[in-house]
Amino acid sequence: AVRRLLQERPPVRGLAVPGMPPGSLGMGDDPQASYAVYAVPSGTGAPYVFMEVRPRKA
């Protein structure tokens, strides 16, 4: 998500992964994990799904 953020440079304040999902950074390794990464827009507007993290392939 960070690579995509740096490449695309959308007008956002940051990224968030709510709920501390298994497999996300710092939450243990789970190759089957999937979760949504939200972008928090600059200015007004609600957070939106920036990308979906899918299970890793073996």
Protein backbone atom coordinates (compact mmCIF):
# COMPACT_ATOMS: atom_id res chain seq x y z
CA ALA A 1 0.00 0.00 0.00
CA VAL A 2 2.85 2.37 0.82
CA ARG A 3 4.53 1.74 -2.55
CA ARG A 4 1.27 2.47 -4.34
CA LEU A 5 0.73 5.59 -2.22
CA LEU A 6 4.18 6.91 -3.11
CA GLN A 7 3.73 6.13 -6.82
CA GLU A 8 0.23 7.57 -7.23
CA ARG A 9 0.48 10.46 -4.74
CA PRO A 10 -3.29 10.73 -4.11
CA PRO A 11 -4.49 13.68 -1.96
CA VAL A 12 -4.63 11.78 1.34
CA ARG A 13 -3.43 12.40 4.90
CA GLY A 14 -2.48 8.77 5.45
CA LEU A 15 -3.40 5.11 5.41
CA ALA A 16 -5.12 3.01 8.09
CA VAL A 17 -5.74 -0.68 8.71
CA PRO A 18 -8.43 -0.83 11.41
CA GLY A 19 -8.91 -3.77 13.73
CA MET A 20 -5.30 -5.03 13.87
CA PRO A 21 -5.98 -7.89 11.40
CA PRO A 22 -3.78 -11.01 11.52
CA GLY A 23 -1.11 -10.89 8.83
CA SER A 24 -0.79 -7.10 8.88
CA LEU A 25 2.54 -5.56 9.88
CA GLY A 26 3.28 -6.21 13.54
CA MET A 27 0.38 -8.63 14.00
CA GLY A 28 2.10 -11.92 13.20
CA ASP A 29 2.54 -13.81 9.97
CA ASP A 30 -0.62 -15.23 8.41
CA PRO A 31 -0.17 -16.05 4.70
CA GLN A 32 -3.94 -16.55 4.38
CA ALA A 33 -4.82 -13.10 5.73
CA SER A 34 -6.84 -10.60 3.75
CA TYR A 35 -7.79 -7.11 4.87
CA ALA A 36 -8.63 -3.65 3.58
CA VAL A 37 -6.26 -0.67 3.68
CA TYR A 38 -8.14 2.62 3.99
CA ALA A 39 -7.03 6.04 2.79
CA VAL A 40 -7.88 9.06 4.93
CA PRO A 41 -8.49 11.91 2.49
CA SER A 42 -7.08 15.40 2.87
CA GLY A 43 -9.74 17.95 3.67
CA THR A 44 -13.28 16.65 3.90
CA GLY A 45 -14.61 13.25 3.01
CA ALA A 46 -14.87 9.83 4.54
CA PRO A 47 -12.07 7.25 4.53
CA TYR A 48 -12.27 4.88 1.57
CA VAL A 49 -10.78 1.51 0.65
CA PHE A 50 -7.43 2.27 -0.98
CA MET A 51 -6.54 -1.36 -1.63
CA GLU A 52 -7.32 -4.92 -0.58
CA VAL A 53 -4.53 -7.15 0.69
CA ARG A 54 -5.13 -10.71 -0.48
CA PRO A 55 -3.69 -14.01 0.79
CA ARG A 56 -0.14 -14.65 -0.38
CA LYS A 57 0.49 -17.36 -2.92
CA ALA A 58 2.63 -20.29 -1.84
